């Protein structure tokens, strides 16, 4: 309820609580948001679009994947879909379905013509 002063003016009180000034970050301290572990948000978005286009066109690709031990491995894959940062694809050599994180993909190239023995 607003308080009425002796001169008839109305004073209001705020119901919201404010933080003490010391707990607020200084203006220059704000850091930009990070885009993943390696900072390659734009590169991953481009790669996702390329993989989605290959899935729509039913193309087979050679996908180079970074393994946890630091080595790379090449897979002959037919992409099925890309969702939530993961590629779902059919491995053409071992005839299994693989799900790979897009962040682990180092390179994508068209499959060699001699590898497509369909």
PDB file of N, CA and C in Angstrom:
ATOM      1  N   UNK A   1       0.848  -1.169   0.000  1.00  0.00           N
ATOM      2  CA  UNK A   1       0.000   0.000   0.000  1.00  0.00           C
ATOM      3  C   UNK A   1       0.890   1.227   0.000  1.00  0.00           C
ATOM      4  N   UNK A   2       0.604   2.212  -0.855  1.00  0.00           N
ATOM      5  CA  UNK A   2       1.447   3.402  -0.914  1.00  0.00           C
ATOM      6  C   UNK A   2       1.275   4.239   0.344  1.00  0.00           C
ATOM      7  N   UNK A   3       2.371   4.858   0.729  1.00  0.00           N
ATOM      8  CA  UNK A   3       2.340   5.736   1.899  1.00  0.00           C
ATOM      9  C   UNK A   3       2.049   7.156   1.445  1.00  0.00           C
ATOM     10  N   UNK A   4       1.200   7.856   2.203  1.00  0.00           N
ATOM     11  CA  UNK A   4       0.849   9.225   1.859  1.00  0.00           C
ATOM     12  C   UNK A   4       1.584  10.150   2.825  1.00  0.00           C
ATOM     13  N   UNK A   5       2.342  11.085   2.251  1.00  0.00           N
ATOM     14  CA  UNK A   5       3.094  12.028   3.072  1.00  0.00           C
ATOM     15  C   UNK A   5       2.212  13.149   3.582  1.00  0.00           C
ATOM     16  N   UNK A   6       2.738  14.015   4.456  1.00  0.00           N
ATOM     17  CA  UNK A   6       1.969  15.105   5.044  1.00  0.00           C
ATOM     18  C   UNK A   6       1.552  16.137   4.008  1.00  0.00           C
ATOM     19  N   UNK A   7       2.274  16.265   2.907  1.00  0.00           N
ATOM     20  CA  UNK A   7       1.908  17.222   1.874  1.00  0.00           C
ATOM     21  C   UNK A   7       0.943  16.635   0.856  1.00  0.00           C
ATOM     22  N   UNK A   8       0.540  15.368   1.048  1.00  0.00           N
ATOM     23  CA  UNK A   8      -0.395  14.730   0.128  1.00  0.00           C
ATOM     24  C   UNK A   8       0.275  13.963  -0.987  1.00  0.00           C
ATOM     25  N   UNK A   9       1.618  13.941  -1.033  1.00  0.00           N
ATOM     26  CA  UNK A   9       2.307  13.208  -2.095  1.00  0.00           C
ATOM     27  C   UNK A   9       2.302  11.714  -1.762  1.00  0.00           C
ATOM     28  N   UNK A  10       2.346  10.921  -2.783  1.00  0.00           N
ATOM     29  CA  UNK A  10       2.305   9.471  -2.609  1.00  0.00           C
ATOM     30  C   UNK A  10       3.700   8.911  -2.849  1.00  0.00           C
ATOM     31  N   UNK A  11       4.175   8.113  -1.890  1.00  0.00           N
ATOM     32  CA  UNK A  11       5.472   7.448  -2.023  1.00  0.00           C
ATOM     33  C   UNK A  11       5.202   5.962  -2.202  1.00  0.00           C
ATOM     34  N   UNK A  12       5.851   5.358  -3.172  1.00  0.00           N
ATOM     35  CA  UNK A  12       5.663   3.920  -3.397  1.00  0.00           C
ATOM     36  C   UNK A  12       6.924   3.178  -3.008  1.00  0.00           C
ATOM     37  N   UNK A  13       6.750   1.946  -2.649  1.00  0.00           N
ATOM     38  CA  UNK A  13       7.900   1.102  -2.346  1.00  0.00           C
ATOM     39  C   UNK A  13       7.950  -0.015  -3.373  1.00  0.00           C
ATOM     40  N   UNK A  14       9.120  -0.417  -3.734  1.00  0.00           N
ATOM     41  CA  UNK A  14       9.294  -1.466  -4.730  1.00  0.00           C
ATOM     42  C   UNK A  14       9.276  -2.832  -4.062  1.00  0.00           C
ATOM     43  N   UNK A  15       8.582  -3.773  -4.686  1.00  0.00           N
ATOM     44  CA  UNK A  15       8.496  -5.118  -4.136  1.00  0.00           C
ATOM     45  C   UNK A  15       9.637  -6.002  -4.631  1.00  0.00           C
ATOM     46  N   UNK A  16      10.411  -5.518  -5.588  1.00  0.00           N
ATOM     47  CA  UNK A  16      11.507  -6.325  -6.111  1.00  0.00           C
ATOM     48  C   UNK A  16      12.759  -6.090  -5.296  1.00  0.00           C
ATOM     49  N   UNK A  17      13.558  -7.153  -5.191  1.00  0.00           N
ATOM     50  CA  UNK A  17      14.811  -7.047  -4.455  1.00  0.00           C
ATOM     51  C   UNK A  17      15.927  -6.782  -5.439  1.00  0.00           C
ATOM     52  N   UNK A  18      16.850  -5.996  -5.047  1.00  0.00           N
ATOM     53  CA  UNK A  18      18.005  -5.698  -5.889  1.00  0.00           C
ATOM     54  C   UNK A  18      19.247  -6.316  -5.276  1.00  0.00           C
ATOM     55  N   UNK A  19      20.159  -6.718  -6.149  1.00  0.00           N
ATOM     56  CA  UNK A  19      21.431  -7.261  -5.677  1.00  0.00           C
ATOM     57  C   UNK A  19      22.316  -6.121  -5.219  1.00  0.00           C
ATOM     58  N   UNK A  20      23.165  -6.394  -4.254  1.00  0.00           N
ATOM     59  CA  UNK A  20      24.139  -5.359  -3.892  1.00  0.00           C
ATOM     60  C   UNK A  20      25.060  -5.103  -5.078  1.00  0.00           C
ATOM     61  N   UNK A  21      25.523  -3.885  -5.257  1.00  0.00           N
ATOM     62  CA  UNK A  21      26.362  -3.549  -6.413  1.00  0.00           C
ATOM     63  C   UNK A  21      27.610  -4.420  -6.536  1.00  0.00           C
ATOM     64  N   UNK A  22      28.133  -4.921  -5.449  1.00  0.00           N
ATOM     65  CA  UNK A  22      29.365  -5.710  -5.513  1.00  0.00           C
ATOM     66  C   UNK A  22      29.154  -7.063  -6.191  1.00  0.00           C
ATOM     67  N   UNK A  23      27.922  -7.592  -6.236  1.00  0.00           N
ATOM     68  CA  UNK A  23      27.704  -8.895  -6.843  1.00  0.00           C
ATOM     69  C   UNK A  23      27.426  -8.820  -8.339  1.00  0.00           C
ATOM     70  N   UNK A  24      27.282  -7.642  -8.891  1.00  0.00           N
ATOM     71  CA  UNK A  24      27.067  -7.488 -10.328  1.00  0.00           C
ATOM     72  C   UNK A  24      28.394  -7.502 -11.069  1.00  0.00           C
ATOM     73  N   UNK A  25      28.449  -8.157 -12.235  1.00  0.00           N
ATOM     74  CA  UNK A  25      29.693  -8.132 -13.003  1.00  0.00           C
ATOM     75  C   UNK A  25      29.920  -6.745 -13.600  1.00  0.00           C
ATOM     76  N   UNK A  26      31.164  -6.365 -13.688  1.00  0.00           N
ATOM     77  CA  UNK A  26      31.503  -5.084 -14.312  1.00  0.00           C
ATOM     78  C   UNK A  26      31.171  -5.156 -15.794  1.00  0.00           C
ATOM     79  N   UNK A  27      30.940  -4.009 -16.423  1.00  0.00           N
ATOM     80  CA  UNK A  27      30.547  -3.987 -17.834  1.00  0.00           C
ATOM     81  C   UNK A  27      31.570  -4.660 -18.735  1.00  0.00           C
ATOM     82  N   UNK A  28      32.830  -4.491 -18.493  1.00  0.00           N
ATOM     83  CA  UNK A  28      33.865  -5.062 -19.351  1.00  0.00           C
ATOM     84  C   UNK A  28      34.140  -6.531 -19.083  1.00  0.00           C
ATOM     85  N   UNK A  29      33.518  -7.119 -18.061  1.00  0.00           N
ATOM     86  CA  UNK A  29      33.795  -8.498 -17.697  1.00  0.00           C
ATOM     87  C   UNK A  29      32.957  -9.519 -18.454  1.00  0.00           C
ATOM     88  N   UNK A  30      31.970  -9.076 -19.207  1.00  0.00           N
ATOM     89  CA  UNK A  30      31.103 -10.029 -19.914  1.00  0.00           C
ATOM     90  C   UNK A  30      31.917 -10.755 -20.980  1.00  0.00           C
ATOM     91  N   UNK A  31      31.803 -12.074 -21.014  1.00  0.00           N
ATOM     92  CA  UNK A  31      32.527 -12.877 -21.988  1.00  0.00           C
ATOM     93  C   UNK A  31      31.551 -13.399 -23.024  1.00  0.00           C
ATOM     94  N   UNK A  32      31.970 -13.475 -24.278  1.00  0.00           N
ATOM     95  CA  UNK A  32      31.065 -14.005 -25.305  1.00  0.00           C
ATOM     96  C   UNK A  32      30.783 -15.478 -25.045  1.00  0.00           C
ATOM     97  N   UNK A  33      29.620 -15.922 -25.488  1.00  0.00           N
ATOM     98  CA  UNK A  33      29.234 -17.321 -25.318  1.00  0.00           C
ATOM     99  C   UNK A  33      30.147 -18.203 -26.152  1.00  0.00           C
ATOM    100  N   UNK A  34      30.526 -19.355 -25.601  1.00  0.00           N
ATOM    101  CA  UNK A  34      31.385 -20.285 -26.328  1.00  0.00           C
ATOM    102  C   UNK A  34      30.536 -21.153 -27.237  1.00  0.00           C
ATOM    103  N   UNK A  35      31.076 -21.514 -28.374  1.00  0.00           N
ATOM    104  CA  UNK A  35      30.366 -22.354 -29.342  1.00  0.00           C
ATOM    105  C   UNK A  35      31.022 -23.716 -29.401  1.00  0.00           C
ATOM    106  N   UNK A  36      30.767 -24.519 -28.412  1.00  0.00           N
ATOM    107  CA  UNK A  36      31.332 -25.867 -28.417  1.00  0.00           C
ATOM    108  C   UNK A  36      32.741 -25.883 -27.863  1.00  0.00           C
ATOM    109  N   UNK A  37      33.304 -27.068 -27.803  1.00  0.00           N
ATOM    110  CA  UNK A  37      34.627 -27.215 -27.206  1.00  0.00           C
ATOM    111  C   UNK A  37      35.716 -26.574 -28.044  1.00  0.00           C
ATOM    112  N   UNK A  38      35.589 -26.634 -29.338  1.00  0.00           N
ATOM    113  CA  UNK A  38      36.663 -26.138 -30.195  1.00  0.00           C
ATOM    114  C   UNK A  38      36.363 -24.771 -30.791  1.00  0.00           C
ATOM    115  N   UNK A  39      35.219 -24.201 -30.486  1.00  0.00           N
ATOM    116  CA  UNK A  39      34.881 -22.890 -31.015  1.00  0.00           C
ATOM    117  C   UNK A  39      34.549 -22.899 -32.490  1.00  0.00           C
ATOM    118  N   UNK A  40      34.189 -24.038 -33.064  1.00  0.00           N
ATOM    119  CA  UNK A  40      33.922 -24.133 -34.498  1.00  0.00           C
ATOM    120  C   UNK A  40      32.442 -24.173 -34.802  1.00  0.00           C
ATOM    121  N   UNK A  41      31.651 -23.294 -34.209  1.00  0.00           N
ATOM    122  CA  UNK A  41      30.208 -23.306 -34.421  1.00  0.00           C
ATOM    123  C   UNK A  41      29.830 -23.115 -35.875  1.00  0.00           C
ATOM    124  N   UNK A  42      30.491 -22.209 -36.569  1.00  0.00           N
ATOM    125  CA  UNK A  42      30.193 -21.952 -37.973  1.00  0.00           C
ATOM    126  C   UNK A  42      30.622 -23.129 -38.837  1.00  0.00           C
ATOM    127  N   UNK A  43      31.777 -23.693 -38.539  1.00  0.00           N
ATOM    128  CA  UNK A  43      32.275 -24.837 -39.306  1.00  0.00           C
ATOM    129  C   UNK A  43      31.363 -26.046 -39.127  1.00  0.00           C
ATOM    130  N   UNK A  44      30.897 -26.287 -37.907  1.00  0.00           N
ATOM    131  CA  UNK A  44      30.004 -27.417 -37.662  1.00  0.00           C
ATOM    132  C   UNK A  44      28.660 -27.219 -38.353  1.00  0.00           C
ATOM    133  N   UNK A  45      28.167 -25.990 -38.388  1.00  0.00           N
ATOM    134  CA  UNK A  45      26.900 -25.716 -39.078  1.00  0.00           C
ATOM    135  C   UNK A  45      27.054 -25.980 -40.579  1.00  0.00           C
ATOM    136  N   UNK A  46      28.178 -25.564 -41.154  1.00  0.00           N
ATOM    137  CA  UNK A  46      28.427 -25.802 -42.577  1.00  0.00           C
ATOM    138  C   UNK A  46      28.504 -27.301 -42.847  1.00  0.00           C
ATOM    139  N   UNK A  47      29.227 -28.025 -41.996  1.00  0.00           N
ATOM    140  CA  UNK A  47      29.371 -29.459 -42.156  1.00  0.00           C
ATOM    141  C   UNK A  47      28.019 -30.164 -42.037  1.00  0.00           C
ATOM    142  N   UNK A  48      27.195 -29.736 -41.095  1.00  0.00           N
ATOM    143  CA  UNK A  48      25.859 -30.325 -40.937  1.00  0.00           C
ATOM    144  C   UNK A  48      25.019 -30.127 -42.194  1.00  0.00           C
ATOM    145  N   UNK A  49      25.096 -28.929 -42.796  1.00  0.00           N
ATOM    146  CA  UNK A  49      24.344 -28.673 -44.030  1.00  0.00           C
ATOM    147  C   UNK A  49      24.831 -29.554 -45.170  1.00  0.00           C
ATOM    148  N   UNK A  50      26.148 -29.756 -45.258  1.00  0.00           N
ATOM    149  CA  UNK A  50      26.698 -30.613 -46.311  1.00  0.00           C
ATOM    150  C   UNK A  50      26.238 -32.059 -46.135  1.00  0.00           C
ATOM    151  N   UNK A  51      26.231 -32.524 -44.899  1.00  0.00           N
ATOM    152  CA  UNK A  51      25.800 -33.899 -44.621  1.00  0.00           C
ATOM    153  C   UNK A  51      24.308 -34.073 -44.878  1.00  0.00           C
ATOM    154  N   UNK A  52      23.508 -33.060 -44.524  1.00  0.00           N
ATOM    155  CA  UNK A  52      22.065 -33.120 -44.791  1.00  0.00           C
ATOM    156  C   UNK A  52      21.794 -33.164 -46.294  1.00  0.00           C
ATOM    157  N   UNK A  53      22.542 -32.377 -47.068  1.00  0.00           N
ATOM    158  CA  UNK A  53      22.378 -32.378 -48.527  1.00  0.00           C
ATOM    159  C   UNK A  53      22.753 -33.736 -49.110  1.00  0.00           C
ATOM    160  N   UNK A  54      23.796 -34.354 -48.593  1.00  0.00           N
ATOM    161  CA  UNK A  54      24.203 -35.677 -49.069  1.00  0.00           C
ATOM    162  C   UNK A  54      23.147 -36.727 -48.716  1.00  0.00           C
ATOM    163  N   UNK A  55      22.525 -36.585 -47.550  1.00  0.00           N
ATOM    164  CA  UNK A  55      21.469 -37.530 -47.159  1.00  0.00           C
ATOM    165  C   UNK A  55      20.264 -37.398 -48.078  1.00  0.00           C
ATOM    166  N   UNK A  56      19.883 -36.159 -48.417  1.00  0.00           N
ATOM    167  CA  UNK A  56      18.742 -35.945 -49.322  1.00  0.00           C
ATOM    168  C   UNK A  56      19.022 -36.498 -50.710  1.00  0.00           C
ATOM    169  N   UNK A  57      20.275 -36.334 -51.169  1.00  0.00           N
ATOM    170  CA  UNK A  57      20.655 -36.792 -52.513  1.00  0.00           C
ATOM    171  C   UNK A  57      21.046 -38.273 -52.530  1.00  0.00           C
ATOM    172  N   UNK A  58      21.039 -38.906 -51.366  1.00  0.00           N
ATOM    173  CA  UNK A  58      21.412 -40.324 -51.229  1.00  0.00           C
ATOM    174  C   UNK A  58      22.809 -40.594 -51.788  1.00  0.00           C
ATOM    175  N   UNK A  59      23.743 -39.700 -51.465  1.00  0.00           N
ATOM    176  CA  UNK A  59      25.136 -39.833 -51.901  1.00  0.00           C
ATOM    177  C   UNK A  59      25.947 -40.586 -50.863  1.00  0.00           C
ATOM    178  N   UNK A  60      26.997 -41.237 -51.312  1.00  0.00           N
ATOM    179  CA  UNK A  60      27.935 -41.899 -50.410  1.00  0.00           C
ATOM    180  C   UNK A  60      29.174 -41.023 -50.294  1.00  0.00           C
ATOM    181  N   UNK A  61      29.679 -40.886 -49.065  1.00  0.00           N
ATOM    182  CA  UNK A  61      30.798 -40.000 -48.784  1.00  0.00           C
ATOM    183  C   UNK A  61      31.911 -40.744 -48.068  1.00  0.00           C
ATOM    184  N   UNK A  62      33.123 -40.217 -48.197  1.00  0.00           N
ATOM    185  CA  UNK A  62      34.229 -40.654 -47.353  1.00  0.00           C
ATOM    186  C   UNK A  62      34.293 -39.645 -46.209  1.00  0.00           C
ATOM    187  N   UNK A  63      34.084 -40.115 -45.000  1.00  0.00           N
ATOM    188  CA  UNK A  63      34.053 -39.240 -43.818  1.00  0.00           C
ATOM    189  C   UNK A  63      35.263 -39.571 -42.956  1.00  0.00           C
ATOM    190  N   UNK A  64      36.083 -38.559 -42.677  1.00  0.00           N
ATOM    191  CA  UNK A  64      37.252 -38.714 -41.808  1.00  0.00           C
ATOM    192  C   UNK A  64      36.848 -38.298 -40.401  1.00  0.00           C
ATOM    193  N   UNK A  65      37.039 -39.203 -39.440  1.00  0.00           N
ATOM    194  CA  UNK A  65      36.596 -38.989 -38.063  1.00  0.00           C
ATOM    195  C   UNK A  65      37.814 -38.952 -37.142  1.00  0.00           C
ATOM    196  N   UNK A  66      37.835 -37.950 -36.229  1.00  0.00           N
ATOM    197  CA  UNK A  66      38.871 -37.877 -35.200  1.00  0.00           C
ATOM    198  C   UNK A  66      38.501 -38.840 -34.077  1.00  0.00           C
ATOM    199  N   UNK A  67      39.391 -39.766 -33.792  1.00  0.00           N
ATOM    200  CA  UNK A  67      39.158 -40.747 -32.732  1.00  0.00           C
ATOM    201  C   UNK A  67      39.639 -40.167 -31.395  1.00  0.00           C
ATOM    202  N   UNK A  68      39.172 -40.722 -30.271  1.00  0.00           N
ATOM    203  CA  UNK A  68      39.570 -40.204 -28.956  1.00  0.00           C
ATOM    204  C   UNK A  68      41.079 -40.244 -28.696  1.00  0.00           C
ATOM    205  N   UNK A  69      41.792 -41.185 -29.320  1.00  0.00           N
ATOM    206  CA  UNK A  69      43.242 -41.277 -29.094  1.00  0.00           C
ATOM    207  C   UNK A  69      44.038 -40.306 -29.968  1.00  0.00           C
ATOM    208  N   UNK A  70      43.349 -39.485 -30.779  1.00  0.00           N
ATOM    209  CA  UNK A  70      44.016 -38.491 -31.615  1.00  0.00           C
ATOM    210  C   UNK A  70      44.205 -38.911 -33.062  1.00  0.00           C
ATOM    211  N   UNK A  71      44.048 -40.190 -33.358  1.00  0.00           N
ATOM    212  CA  UNK A  71      44.183 -40.665 -34.733  1.00  0.00           C
ATOM    213  C   UNK A  71      42.920 -40.350 -35.518  1.00  0.00           C
ATOM    214  N   UNK A  72      42.989 -40.524 -36.828  1.00  0.00           N
ATOM    215  CA  UNK A  72      41.806 -40.346 -37.662  1.00  0.00           C
ATOM    216  C   UNK A  72      41.474 -41.662 -38.352  1.00  0.00           C
ATOM    217  N   UNK A  73      40.201 -41.831 -38.658  1.00  0.00           N
ATOM    218  CA  UNK A  73      39.737 -43.033 -39.359  1.00  0.00           C
ATOM    219  C   UNK A  73      38.803 -42.599 -40.478  1.00  0.00           C
ATOM    220  N   UNK A  74      38.945 -43.244 -41.644  1.00  0.00           N
ATOM    221  CA  UNK A  74      38.084 -42.960 -42.787  1.00  0.00           C
ATOM    222  C   UNK A  74      36.982 -44.014 -42.865  1.00  0.00           C
ATOM    223  N   UNK A  75      35.747 -43.542 -43.077  1.00  0.00           N
ATOM    224  CA  UNK A  75      34.607 -44.433 -43.238  1.00  0.00           C
ATOM    225  C   UNK A  75      33.903 -44.097 -44.543  1.00  0.00           C
ATOM    226  N   UNK A  76      33.431 -45.099 -45.222  1.00  0.00           N
ATOM    227  CA  UNK A  76      32.628 -44.941 -46.426  1.00  0.00           C
ATOM    228  C   UNK A  76      31.170 -44.974 -45.962  1.00  0.00           C
ATOM    229  N   UNK A  77      30.510 -43.812 -45.908  1.00  0.00           N
ATOM    230  CA  UNK A  77      29.189 -43.698 -45.303  1.00  0.00           C
ATOM    231  C   UNK A  77      28.143 -43.156 -46.267  1.00  0.00           C
ATOM    232  N   UNK A  78      26.935 -43.658 -46.100  1.00  0.00           N
ATOM    233  CA  UNK A  78      25.763 -43.122 -46.795  1.00  0.00           C
ATOM    234  C   UNK A  78      24.920 -42.427 -45.725  1.00  0.00           C
ATOM    235  N   UNK A  79      24.989 -41.094 -45.618  1.00  0.00           N
ATOM    236  CA  UNK A  79      24.266 -40.378 -44.566  1.00  0.00           C
ATOM    237  C   UNK A  79      22.755 -40.604 -44.645  1.00  0.00           C
ATOM    238  N   UNK A  80      22.134 -40.817 -43.486  1.00  0.00           N
ATOM    239  CA  UNK A  80      20.684 -40.970 -43.405  1.00  0.00           C
ATOM    240  C   UNK A  80      20.054 -39.701 -42.843  1.00  0.00           C
ATOM    241  N   UNK A  81      20.666 -39.130 -41.784  1.00  0.00           N
ATOM    242  CA  UNK A  81      20.126 -37.904 -41.195  1.00  0.00           C
ATOM    243  C   UNK A  81      21.172 -37.244 -40.311  1.00  0.00           C
ATOM    244  N   UNK A  82      20.936 -35.954 -40.047  1.00  0.00           N
ATOM    245  CA  UNK A  82      21.747 -35.188 -39.107  1.00  0.00           C
ATOM    246  C   UNK A  82      20.779 -34.517 -38.151  1.00  0.00           C
ATOM    247  N   UNK A  83      20.943 -34.789 -36.848  1.00  0.00           N
ATOM    248  CA  UNK A  83      20.069 -34.195 -35.842  1.00  0.00           C
ATOM    249  C   UNK A  83      20.804 -34.136 -34.513  1.00  0.00           C
ATOM    250  N   UNK A  84      20.584 -33.058 -33.777  1.00  0.00           N
ATOM    251  CA  UNK A  84      21.165 -32.887 -32.443  1.00  0.00           C
ATOM    252  C   UNK A  84      22.676 -33.068 -32.425  1.00  0.00           C
ATOM    253  N   UNK A  85      23.344 -32.597 -33.464  1.00  0.00           N
ATOM    254  CA  UNK A  85      24.801 -32.672 -33.514  1.00  0.00           C
ATOM    255  C   UNK A  85      25.354 -34.053 -33.798  1.00  0.00           C
ATOM    256  N   UNK A  86      24.519 -34.945 -34.323  1.00  0.00           N
ATOM    257  CA  UNK A  86      24.959 -36.310 -34.622  1.00  0.00           C
ATOM    258  C   UNK A  86      24.591 -36.701 -36.050  1.00  0.00           C
ATOM    259  N   UNK A  87      25.495 -37.435 -36.675  1.00  0.00           N
ATOM    260  CA  UNK A  87      25.266 -37.973 -38.013  1.00  0.00           C
ATOM    261  C   UNK A  87      24.881 -39.442 -37.875  1.00  0.00           C
ATOM    262  N   UNK A  88      23.780 -39.806 -38.475  1.00  0.00           N
ATOM    263  CA  UNK A  88      23.373 -41.210 -38.564  1.00  0.00           C
ATOM    264  C   UNK A  88      23.587 -41.638 -40.004  1.00  0.00           C
ATOM    265  N   UNK A  89      24.382 -42.683 -40.209  1.00  0.00           N
ATOM    266  CA  UNK A  89      24.727 -43.090 -41.574  1.00  0.00           C
ATOM    267  C   UNK A  89      24.965 -44.592 -41.649  1.00  0.00           C
ATOM    268  N   UNK A  90      24.847 -45.122 -42.858  1.00  0.00           N
ATOM    269  CA  UNK A  90      25.093 -46.539 -43.128  1.00  0.00           C
ATOM    270  C   UNK A  90      26.529 -46.695 -43.578  1.00  0.00           C
ATOM    271  N   UNK A  91      27.294 -47.532 -42.885  1.00  0.00           N
ATOM    272  CA  UNK A  91      28.668 -47.818 -43.276  1.00  0.00           C
ATOM    273  C   UNK A  91      28.610 -48.813 -44.433  1.00  0.00           C
ATOM    274  N   UNK A  92      29.093 -48.410 -45.612  1.00  0.00           N
ATOM    275  CA  UNK A  92      28.965 -49.225 -46.818  1.00  0.00           C
ATOM    276  C   UNK A  92      29.908 -50.428 -46.819  1.00  0.00           C
ATOM    277  N   UNK A  93      31.036 -50.337 -46.109  1.00  0.00           N
ATOM    278  CA  UNK A  93      31.988 -51.465 -46.093  1.00  0.00           C
ATOM    279  C   UNK A  93      31.551 -52.560 -45.127  1.00  0.00           C
ATOM    280  N   UNK A  94      31.169 -52.188 -43.909  1.00  0.00           N
ATOM    281  CA  UNK A  94      30.823 -53.200 -42.915  1.00  0.00           C
ATOM    282  C   UNK A  94      29.322 -53.427 -42.798  1.00  0.00           C
ATOM    283  N   UNK A  95      28.522 -52.701 -43.580  1.00  0.00           N
ATOM    284  CA  UNK A  95      27.073 -52.855 -43.633  1.00  0.00           C
ATOM    285  C   UNK A  95      26.408 -52.771 -42.248  1.00  0.00           C
ATOM    286  N   UNK A  96      26.793 -51.716 -41.510  1.00  0.00           N
ATOM    287  CA  UNK A  96      26.154 -51.422 -40.227  1.00  0.00           C
ATOM    288  C   UNK A  96      25.792 -49.947 -40.193  1.00  0.00           C
ATOM    289  N   UNK A  97      24.918 -49.578 -39.275  1.00  0.00           N
ATOM    290  CA  UNK A  97      24.581 -48.166 -39.105  1.00  0.00           C
ATOM    291  C   UNK A  97      25.470 -47.569 -38.026  1.00  0.00           C
ATOM    292  N   UNK A  98      26.028 -46.408 -38.320  1.00  0.00           N
ATOM    293  CA  UNK A  98      26.893 -45.705 -37.363  1.00  0.00           C
ATOM    294  C   UNK A  98      26.246 -44.383 -36.978  1.00  0.00           C
ATOM    295  N   UNK A  99      26.456 -43.991 -35.736  1.00  0.00           N
ATOM    296  CA  UNK A  99      26.045 -42.669 -35.268  1.00  0.00           C
ATOM    297  C   UNK A  99      27.298 -41.975 -34.767  1.00  0.00           C
ATOM    298  N   UNK A 100      27.628 -40.842 -35.376  1.00  0.00           N
ATOM    299  CA  UNK A 100      28.860 -40.124 -35.057  1.00  0.00           C
ATOM    300  C   UNK A 100      28.552 -38.687 -34.649  1.00  0.00           C
ATOM    301  N   UNK A 101      29.250 -38.151 -33.645  1.00  0.00           N
ATOM    302  CA  UNK A 101      29.079 -36.739 -33.333  1.00  0.00           C
ATOM    303  C   UNK A 101      29.686 -35.882 -34.456  1.00  0.00           C
ATOM    304  N   UNK A 102      28.962 -34.862 -34.877  1.00  0.00           N
ATOM    305  CA  UNK A 102      29.457 -33.984 -35.949  1.00  0.00           C
ATOM    306  C   UNK A 102      30.758 -33.316 -35.520  1.00  0.00           C
ATOM    307  N   UNK A 103      30.913 -33.044 -34.228  1.00  0.00           N
ATOM    308  CA  UNK A 103      32.132 -32.396 -33.729  1.00  0.00           C
ATOM    309  C   UNK A 103      33.368 -33.279 -33.915  1.00  0.00           C
ATOM    310  N   UNK A 104      33.204 -34.585 -34.098  1.00  0.00           N
ATOM    311  CA  UNK A 104      34.337 -35.492 -34.287  1.00  0.00           C
ATOM    312  C   UNK A 104      34.713 -35.655 -35.753  1.00  0.00           C
ATOM    313  N   UNK A 105      33.922 -35.101 -36.663  1.00  0.00           N
ATOM    314  CA  UNK A 105      34.203 -35.243 -38.095  1.00  0.00           C
ATOM    315  C   UNK A 105      35.241 -34.212 -38.508  1.00  0.00           C
ATOM    316  N   UNK A 106      36.351 -34.709 -39.062  1.00  0.00           N
ATOM    317  CA  UNK A 106      37.446 -33.831 -39.472  1.00  0.00           C
ATOM    318  C   UNK A 106      37.324 -33.398 -40.925  1.00  0.00           C
ATOM    319  N   UNK A 107      36.797 -34.286 -41.786  1.00  0.00           N
ATOM    320  CA  UNK A 107      36.700 -33.964 -43.214  1.00  0.00           C
ATOM    321  C   UNK A 107      35.631 -34.822 -43.867  1.00  0.00           C
ATOM    322  N   UNK A 108      35.107 -34.296 -44.982  1.00  0.00           N
ATOM    323  CA  UNK A 108      34.110 -35.000 -45.784  1.00  0.00           C
ATOM    324  C   UNK A 108      34.512 -34.848 -47.244  1.00  0.00           C
ATOM    325  N   UNK A 109      34.440 -35.949 -47.996  1.00  0.00           N
ATOM    326  CA  UNK A 109      34.781 -35.908 -49.421  1.00  0.00           C
ATOM    327  C   UNK A 109      33.860 -36.872 -50.156  1.00  0.00           C
ATOM    328  N   UNK A 110      33.653 -36.645 -51.448  1.00  0.00           N
ATOM    329  CA  UNK A 110      32.857 -37.605 -52.232  1.00  0.00           C
ATOM    330  C   UNK A 110      33.562 -38.959 -52.226  1.00  0.00           C
ATOM    331  N   UNK A 111      32.790 -40.010 -52.247  1.00  0.00           N
ATOM    332  CA  UNK A 111      33.358 -41.353 -52.252  1.00  0.00           C
ATOM    333  C   UNK A 111      34.027 -41.623 -53.589  1.00  0.00           C
ATOM    334  N   UNK A 112      35.138 -42.342 -53.587  1.00  0.00           N
ATOM    335  CA  UNK A 112      35.782 -42.695 -54.865  1.00  0.00           C
ATOM    336  C   UNK A 112      34.865 -43.606 -55.676  1.00  0.00           C
ATOM    337  N   UNK A 113      34.902 -43.464 -56.983  1.00  0.00           N
ATOM    338  CA  UNK A 113      34.020 -44.234 -57.867  1.00  0.00           C
ATOM    339  C   UNK A 113      34.250 -45.737 -57.743  1.00  0.00           C
ATOM    340  N   UNK A 114      35.492 -46.159 -57.510  1.00  0.00           N
ATOM    341  CA  UNK A 114      35.765 -47.592 -57.403  1.00  0.00           C
ATOM    342  C   UNK A 114      35.261 -48.191 -56.092  1.00  0.00           C
ATOM    343  N   UNK A 115      34.936 -47.363 -55.098  1.00  0.00           N
ATOM    344  CA  UNK A 115      34.428 -47.866 -53.808  1.00  0.00           C
ATOM    345  C   UNK A 115      32.925 -48.083 -53.846  1.00  0.00           C
ATOM    346  N   UNK A 116      32.278 -47.621 -54.904  1.00  0.00           N
ATOM    347  CA  UNK A 116      30.815 -47.736 -54.985  1.00  0.00           C
ATOM    348  C   UNK A 116      30.405 -48.942 -55.815  1.00  0.00           C
ATOM    349  N   UNK A 117      30.824 -50.088 -55.458  1.00  0.00           N
ATOM    350  CA  UNK A 117      30.562 -51.297 -56.228  1.00  0.00           C
ATOM    351  C   UNK A 117      29.143 -51.790 -56.103  1.00  0.00           C
ATOM    352  N   UNK A 118      28.141 -50.948 -56.212  1.00  0.00           N
ATOM    353  CA  UNK A 118      26.723 -51.347 -56.096  1.00  0.00           C
ATOM    354  C   UNK A 118      26.183 -51.850 -57.389  1.00  0.00           C
TER     355      UNK A 118
END
